[in-house]
Every structure is written in C-alpha cells, then in structure tokens.
Amino acid sequence: DADFLATGDIKRAVVVGTGAIGLESASSLKERGVEDVTLVEALEWINPKSFDKKASDYMVAELERIGVRVVLGEGITSVEGETEVTGVHTSKQFIPCDTVVWGIGMRPVTDLAASMGVDLGNAGGIKVDELMRTNLADVYAVGDCTEPYDMFFQKYMPNMLWRTATEQGMLVGQLVT
C-alpha cells in the first residue's frame, strides 16, 4: 500500500527497482499527482524475474504512456543531499529528485516463527503446505513471510504480492472457522 505517498510535498521522485513494489510505487506516485516520476532499473529490462523482454517492452510503453520516465541499464551509484534528497547519480547520469523509493528486494521477517521452532524454507520464508500449515500443529502462516508451493514454478518459493497474501488469509480463515 502506498498511502504514505499521498502527500502533495513530493515534486520529483525516483523509484529504484522494477519488481512488483517498484512498479506499484511508480504508478501510485503518478496517480497521486506527482508530476516527475522516474523508474530506474540496473538491468536491461524491467522486472526480469517475471517478464521476458517483450513483456517488459509492453510495460515500459504503458508506464511512459501514464507519464513515468523509465531508465534501463543504469544502477544507482549515489544519493545526493545533506539533510534532504536532491537527486541520485546513476552509472550514466544525474536525476534531480526530492524523494527516492527503494524497491530492490524483499526479505521475509521470520525471527519469531523460527524462535518457536517453525521450519523455514530454502529462501528463508516460513515453509507451509498447500493449506498454509506450518510444521507445528494448529499453526498457520500467510503472506510475505511464507514460502508456499508455487504450481507454476513447481517449487516452494516466496510470493510477496498483496493479492496472494489476501487469498492465503481467506483460505486459512475458511479452514479454521
């Protein structure tokens, strides 16, 4: 949720990273009236974990259509400003801005679960079965912290999308009531 972006104080924003969080942040900033939004990706196309080049090109065209400038193949090298952000340097240019949103990776927070003896998966998320059960009796886990079975990729892996977390929560709610 990007409600924190609802302020009228943001004039120029740079969003770093083009995964789900970066893409949602960039479009949310535009929706909320930020005039100058630049999306920066160090790789050659956006969201390379989910999109091939053709899908990326389509998404870039859509982002540009709504007014988001997309910069590809340039990593952020530094942030400028003493007490407030004034811009970012990429490997090729300086982009003036007053806000930087970092969307360059997510990591589940599982300390409490691990301290209780809940098994973690290979990516560090809480390992759950197809009904979101952990290895502990009557303990379920849903959302960003989990590592459920992904039928598309045919392996256990995190899925850090809001919609998926909502559906997982609804499933568990039906199971335990």
C-alpha atoms as a PDB file:
ATOM      1  CA  ASP A   1       0.000   0.000   0.000  1.00  0.00           C
ATOM      2  CA  ALA A   2       1.393   3.351  -0.985  1.00  0.00           C
ATOM      3  CA  ASP A   3      -0.801   5.666   1.128  1.00  0.00           C
ATOM      4  CA  PHE A   4       2.335   7.266   2.569  1.00  0.00           C
ATOM      5  CA  LEU A   5       2.877   8.676  -0.919  1.00  0.00           C
ATOM      6  CA  ALA A   6      -0.306  10.757  -0.771  1.00  0.00           C
ATOM      7  CA  THR A   7       1.498  13.935   0.224  1.00  0.00           C
ATOM      8  CA  GLY A   8       1.499  16.941  -2.070  1.00  0.00           C
ATOM      9  CA  ASP A   9       5.069  17.736  -0.988  1.00  0.00           C
ATOM     10  CA  ILE A  10       6.602  15.305  -3.475  1.00  0.00           C
ATOM     11  CA  LYS A  11       7.511  17.046  -6.728  1.00  0.00           C
ATOM     12  CA  ARG A  12      10.126  14.759  -8.295  1.00  0.00           C
ATOM     13  CA  ALA A  13      10.524  11.097  -7.361  1.00  0.00           C
ATOM     14  CA  VAL A  14      12.911   8.352  -8.353  1.00  0.00           C
ATOM     15  CA  VAL A  15      11.807   4.747  -7.843  1.00  0.00           C
ATOM     16  CA  VAL A  16      14.692   2.271  -7.774  1.00  0.00           C
ATOM     17  CA  GLY A  17      13.881  -1.296  -8.847  1.00  0.00           C
ATOM     18  CA  THR A  18      11.204  -2.671 -11.127  1.00  0.00           C
ATOM     19  CA  GLY A  19       9.787  -5.614  -9.240  1.00  0.00           C
ATOM     20  CA  ALA A  20       6.186  -5.543  -8.056  1.00  0.00           C
ATOM     21  CA  ILE A  21       6.901  -2.934  -5.351  1.00  0.00           C
ATOM     22  CA  GLY A  22       8.780  -0.607  -7.699  1.00  0.00           C
ATOM     23  CA  LEU A  23       6.149  -0.816 -10.436  1.00  0.00           C
ATOM     24  CA  GLU A  24       3.305  -0.234  -7.985  1.00  0.00           C
ATOM     25  CA  SER A  25       5.134   2.656  -6.337  1.00  0.00           C
ATOM     26  CA  ALA A  26       5.839   4.407  -9.649  1.00  0.00           C
ATOM     27  CA  SER A  27       2.244   4.130 -10.860  1.00  0.00           C
ATOM     28  CA  SER A  28       0.892   5.133  -7.425  1.00  0.00           C
ATOM     29  CA  LEU A  29       3.056   8.242  -7.387  1.00  0.00           C
ATOM     30  CA  LYS A  30       1.665   9.264 -10.781  1.00  0.00           C
ATOM     31  CA  GLU A  31      -1.914   8.518  -9.638  1.00  0.00           C
ATOM     32  CA  ARG A  32      -1.374  10.760  -6.624  1.00  0.00           C
ATOM     33  CA  GLY A  33      -0.294  13.660  -8.801  1.00  0.00           C
ATOM     34  CA  VAL A  34       3.496  13.585  -8.646  1.00  0.00           C
ATOM     35  CA  GLU A  35       4.483  15.247 -11.904  1.00  0.00           C
ATOM     36  CA  ASP A  36       8.022  13.894 -12.377  1.00  0.00           C
ATOM     37  CA  VAL A  37       8.435  10.161 -11.683  1.00  0.00           C
ATOM     38  CA  THR A  38      11.485   8.240 -12.908  1.00  0.00           C
ATOM     39  CA  LEU A  39      11.766   4.454 -12.587  1.00  0.00           C
ATOM     40  CA  VAL A  40      15.367   3.165 -12.586  1.00  0.00           C
ATOM     41  CA  GLU A  41      16.399  -0.425 -13.309  1.00  0.00           C
ATOM     42  CA  ALA A  42      20.041  -1.573 -13.362  1.00  0.00           C
ATOM     43  CA  LEU A  43      19.258  -4.441 -15.744  1.00  0.00           C
ATOM     44  CA  GLU A  44      18.280  -4.184 -19.400  1.00  0.00           C
ATOM     45  CA  TRP A  45      14.542  -4.698 -18.907  1.00  0.00           C
ATOM     46  CA  ILE A  46      12.006  -4.250 -16.149  1.00  0.00           C
ATOM     47  CA  ASN A  47      11.019  -6.960 -13.673  1.00  0.00           C
ATOM     48  CA  PRO A  48      13.311  -9.598 -15.180  1.00  0.00           C
ATOM     49  CA  LYS A  49      12.159 -12.231 -12.662  1.00  0.00           C
ATOM     50  CA  SER A  50       8.632 -12.048 -14.075  1.00  0.00           C
ATOM     51  CA  PHE A  51       8.871 -10.563 -17.601  1.00  0.00           C
ATOM     52  CA  ASP A  52      10.688 -11.502 -20.751  1.00  0.00           C
ATOM     53  CA  LYS A  53      11.953  -8.672 -22.997  1.00  0.00           C
ATOM     54  CA  LYS A  54       8.709  -8.476 -24.984  1.00  0.00           C
ATOM     55  CA  ALA A  55       6.528  -8.161 -21.866  1.00  0.00           C
ATOM     56  CA  SER A  56       8.982  -5.633 -20.455  1.00  0.00           C
ATOM     57  CA  ASP A  57       8.783  -3.501 -23.603  1.00  0.00           C
ATOM     58  CA  TYR A  58       4.985  -3.510 -23.353  1.00  0.00           C
ATOM     59  CA  MET A  59       5.086  -2.461 -19.679  1.00  0.00           C
ATOM     60  CA  VAL A  60       7.630   0.283 -20.397  1.00  0.00           C
ATOM     61  CA  ALA A  61       5.315   1.674 -23.093  1.00  0.00           C
ATOM     62  CA  GLU A  62       2.396   1.648 -20.629  1.00  0.00           C
ATOM     63  CA  LEU A  63       4.445   3.330 -17.910  1.00  0.00           C
ATOM     64  CA  GLU A  64       5.604   6.003 -20.327  1.00  0.00           C
ATOM     65  CA  ARG A  65       2.001   6.452 -21.503  1.00  0.00           C
ATOM     66  CA  ILE A  66       0.979   7.423 -17.948  1.00  0.00           C
ATOM     67  CA  GLY A  67       3.976   9.731 -17.624  1.00  0.00           C
ATOM     68  CA  VAL A  68       6.595   7.604 -15.861  1.00  0.00           C
ATOM     69  CA  ARG A  69      10.094   8.014 -17.295  1.00  0.00           C
ATOM     70  CA  VAL A  70      11.849   4.617 -17.430  1.00  0.00           C
ATOM     71  CA  VAL A  71      15.649   4.361 -17.247  1.00  0.00           C
ATOM     72  CA  LEU A  72      17.098   0.910 -18.016  1.00  0.00           C
ATOM     73  CA  GLY A  73      20.624  -0.437 -17.727  1.00  0.00           C
ATOM     74  CA  GLU A  74      21.687   2.141 -15.133  1.00  0.00           C
ATOM     75  CA  GLY A  75      22.317   1.337 -11.492  1.00  0.00           C
ATOM     76  CA  ILE A  76      22.172   3.925  -8.724  1.00  0.00           C
ATOM     77  CA  THR A  77      25.695   4.871  -7.643  1.00  0.00           C
ATOM     78  CA  SER A  78      24.869   7.508  -5.011  1.00  0.00           C
ATOM     79  CA  VAL A  79      22.203   9.715  -3.499  1.00  0.00           C
ATOM     80  CA  GLU A  80      22.813  13.468  -3.356  1.00  0.00           C
ATOM     81  CA  GLY A  81      21.805  15.745  -0.490  1.00  0.00           C
ATOM     82  CA  GLU A  82      22.842  16.581   3.056  1.00  0.00           C
ATOM     83  CA  THR A  83      19.609  16.698   5.078  1.00  0.00           C
ATOM     84  CA  GLU A  84      17.191  16.213   2.179  1.00  0.00           C
ATOM     85  CA  VAL A  85      17.469  14.290  -1.059  1.00  0.00           C
ATOM     86  CA  THR A  86      18.284  16.472  -4.055  1.00  0.00           C
ATOM     87  CA  GLY A  87      18.908  13.737  -6.603  1.00  0.00           C
ATOM     88  CA  VAL A  88      20.506  10.428  -7.482  1.00  0.00           C
ATOM     89  CA  HIS A  89      23.502   9.557  -9.611  1.00  0.00           C
ATOM     90  CA  THR A  90      23.206   6.552 -11.887  1.00  0.00           C
ATOM     91  CA  SER A  91      26.067   4.946 -13.729  1.00  0.00           C
ATOM     92  CA  LYS A  92      25.348   7.389 -16.601  1.00  0.00           C
ATOM     93  CA  GLN A  93      23.523  10.497 -15.354  1.00  0.00           C
ATOM     94  CA  PHE A  94      22.248  12.673 -12.519  1.00  0.00           C
ATOM     95  CA  ILE A  95      18.483  12.658 -11.881  1.00  0.00           C
ATOM     96  CA  PRO A  96      17.176  15.510  -9.706  1.00  0.00           C
ATOM     97  CA  CYS A  97      14.515  14.468  -7.178  1.00  0.00           C
ATOM     98  CA  ASP A  98      13.183  15.175  -3.713  1.00  0.00           C
ATOM     99  CA  THR A  99      12.090  11.596  -2.963  1.00  0.00           C
ATOM    100  CA  VAL A 100      13.656   8.163  -3.511  1.00  0.00           C
ATOM    101  CA  VAL A 101      11.641   4.960  -3.152  1.00  0.00           C
ATOM    102  CA  TRP A 102      13.754   1.809  -2.878  1.00  0.00           C
ATOM    103  CA  GLY A 103      12.083  -1.312  -4.269  1.00  0.00           C
ATOM    104  CA  ILE A 104      15.108  -3.525  -4.784  1.00  0.00           C
ATOM    105  CA  GLY A 105      14.302  -6.662  -2.912  1.00  0.00           C
ATOM    106  CA  MET A 106      12.234  -8.104  -0.154  1.00  0.00           C
ATOM    107  CA  ARG A 107      13.168 -10.424   2.634  1.00  0.00           C
ATOM    108  CA  PRO A 108      10.691 -12.145   4.950  1.00  0.00           C
ATOM    109  CA  VAL A 109      10.940 -11.377   8.666  1.00  0.00           C
ATOM    110  CA  THR A 110      10.714 -14.751  10.369  1.00  0.00           C
ATOM    111  CA  ASP A 111      12.583 -14.345  13.667  1.00  0.00           C
ATOM    112  CA  LEU A 112       9.527 -15.000  15.860  1.00  0.00           C
ATOM    113  CA  ALA A 113       8.468 -18.056  13.861  1.00  0.00           C
ATOM    114  CA  ALA A 114      11.985 -19.502  13.895  1.00  0.00           C
ATOM    115  CA  SER A 115      12.261 -18.958  17.659  1.00  0.00           C
ATOM    116  CA  MET A 116       9.073 -21.033  18.061  1.00  0.00           C
ATOM    117  CA  GLY A 117      10.520 -23.913  16.046  1.00  0.00           C
ATOM    118  CA  VAL A 118       8.687 -23.243  12.770  1.00  0.00           C
ATOM    119  CA  ASP A 119      10.568 -24.688   9.792  1.00  0.00           C
ATOM    120  CA  LEU A 120      11.942 -22.216   7.266  1.00  0.00           C
ATOM    121  CA  GLY A 121      12.327 -22.877   3.558  1.00  0.00           C
ATOM    122  CA  ASN A 122      15.345 -22.511   1.297  1.00  0.00           C
ATOM    123  CA  ALA A 123      14.697 -18.789   0.651  1.00  0.00           C
ATOM    124  CA  GLY A 124      14.238 -18.009   4.361  1.00  0.00           C
ATOM    125  CA  GLY A 125      10.443 -17.823   4.390  1.00  0.00           C
ATOM    126  CA  ILE A 126       8.167 -19.877   6.632  1.00  0.00           C
ATOM    127  CA  LYS A 127       7.663 -23.255   4.997  1.00  0.00           C
ATOM    128  CA  VAL A 128       3.965 -24.060   4.602  1.00  0.00           C
ATOM    129  CA  ASP A 129       1.958 -26.770   2.877  1.00  0.00           C
ATOM    130  CA  GLU A 130      -0.856 -26.264   0.347  1.00  0.00           C
ATOM    131  CA  LEU A 131      -3.235 -25.314   3.204  1.00  0.00           C
ATOM    132  CA  MET A 132      -0.749 -22.807   4.688  1.00  0.00           C
ATOM    133  CA  ARG A 133       0.038 -25.074   7.670  1.00  0.00           C
ATOM    134  CA  THR A 134       3.478 -24.941   9.253  1.00  0.00           C
ATOM    135  CA  ASN A 135       5.242 -27.941  10.789  1.00  0.00           C
ATOM    136  CA  LEU A 136       3.670 -27.051  14.178  1.00  0.00           C
ATOM    137  CA  ALA A 137       0.169 -28.323  14.966  1.00  0.00           C
ATOM    138  CA  ASP A 138      -2.553 -25.665  14.539  1.00  0.00           C
ATOM    139  CA  VAL A 139      -0.053 -23.003  13.446  1.00  0.00           C
ATOM    140  CA  TYR A 140      -0.680 -21.393  10.064  1.00  0.00           C
ATOM    141  CA  ALA A 141       1.255 -18.677   8.246  1.00  0.00           C
ATOM    142  CA  VAL A 142       0.238 -16.461   5.329  1.00  0.00           C
ATOM    143  CA  GLY A 143       1.625 -13.551   3.369  1.00  0.00           C
ATOM    144  CA  ASP A 144       5.062 -12.182   2.607  1.00  0.00           C
ATOM    145  CA  CYS A 145       6.797 -14.247   5.289  1.00  0.00           C
ATOM    146  CA  THR A 146       5.796 -17.604   3.785  1.00  0.00           C
ATOM    147  CA  GLU A 147       7.285 -19.956   1.248  1.00  0.00           C
ATOM    148  CA  PRO A 148       4.325 -21.867  -0.231  1.00  0.00           C
ATOM    149  CA  TYR A 149       4.413 -24.275  -3.159  1.00  0.00           C
ATOM    150  CA  ASP A 150       4.248 -22.428  -6.468  1.00  0.00           C
ATOM    151  CA  MET A 151       2.441 -24.586  -9.035  1.00  0.00           C
ATOM    152  CA  PHE A 152       3.795 -22.547 -11.964  1.00  0.00           C
ATOM    153  CA  PHE A 153       7.459 -22.916 -10.970  1.00  0.00           C
ATOM    154  CA  GLN A 154       6.826 -26.298  -9.285  1.00  0.00           C
ATOM    155  CA  LYS A 155       8.824 -25.496  -6.175  1.00  0.00           C
ATOM    156  CA  TYR A 156       8.490 -23.848  -2.767  1.00  0.00           C
ATOM    157  CA  MET A 157       9.209 -20.135  -3.042  1.00  0.00           C
ATOM    158  CA  PRO A 158       8.152 -16.751  -1.634  1.00  0.00           C
ATOM    159  CA  ASN A 159       5.357 -14.840  -3.312  1.00  0.00           C
ATOM    160  CA  MET A 160       5.386 -11.330  -1.917  1.00  0.00           C
ATOM    161  CA  LEU A 161       2.301  -9.911  -3.567  1.00  0.00           C
ATOM    162  CA  TRP A 162      -0.604  -8.348  -1.685  1.00  0.00           C
ATOM    163  CA  ARG A 163      -3.224 -10.262  -3.679  1.00  0.00           C
ATOM    164  CA  THR A 164      -1.604 -13.611  -2.905  1.00  0.00           C
ATOM    165  CA  ALA A 165      -1.391 -12.783   0.810  1.00  0.00           C
ATOM    166  CA  THR A 166      -5.087 -11.836   0.827  1.00  0.00           C
ATOM    167  CA  GLU A 167      -6.080 -15.116  -0.823  1.00  0.00           C
ATOM    168  CA  GLN A 168      -3.906 -17.093   1.597  1.00  0.00           C
ATOM    169  CA  GLY A 169      -5.541 -15.346   4.552  1.00  0.00           C
ATOM    170  CA  MET A 170      -9.026 -16.086   3.187  1.00  0.00           C
ATOM    171  CA  LEU A 171      -8.107 -19.772   2.754  1.00  0.00           C
ATOM    172  CA  VAL A 172      -6.851 -20.087   6.319  1.00  0.00           C
ATOM    173  CA  GLY A 173      -9.874 -18.172   7.627  1.00  0.00           C
ATOM    174  CA  GLN A 174     -12.168 -20.746   5.995  1.00  0.00           C
ATOM    175  CA  LEU A 175     -10.132 -23.664   7.322  1.00  0.00           C
ATOM    176  CA  VAL A 176     -10.069 -22.654  10.960  1.00  0.00           C
ATOM    177  CA  THR A 177     -13.661 -21.427  11.363  1.00  0.00           C
END
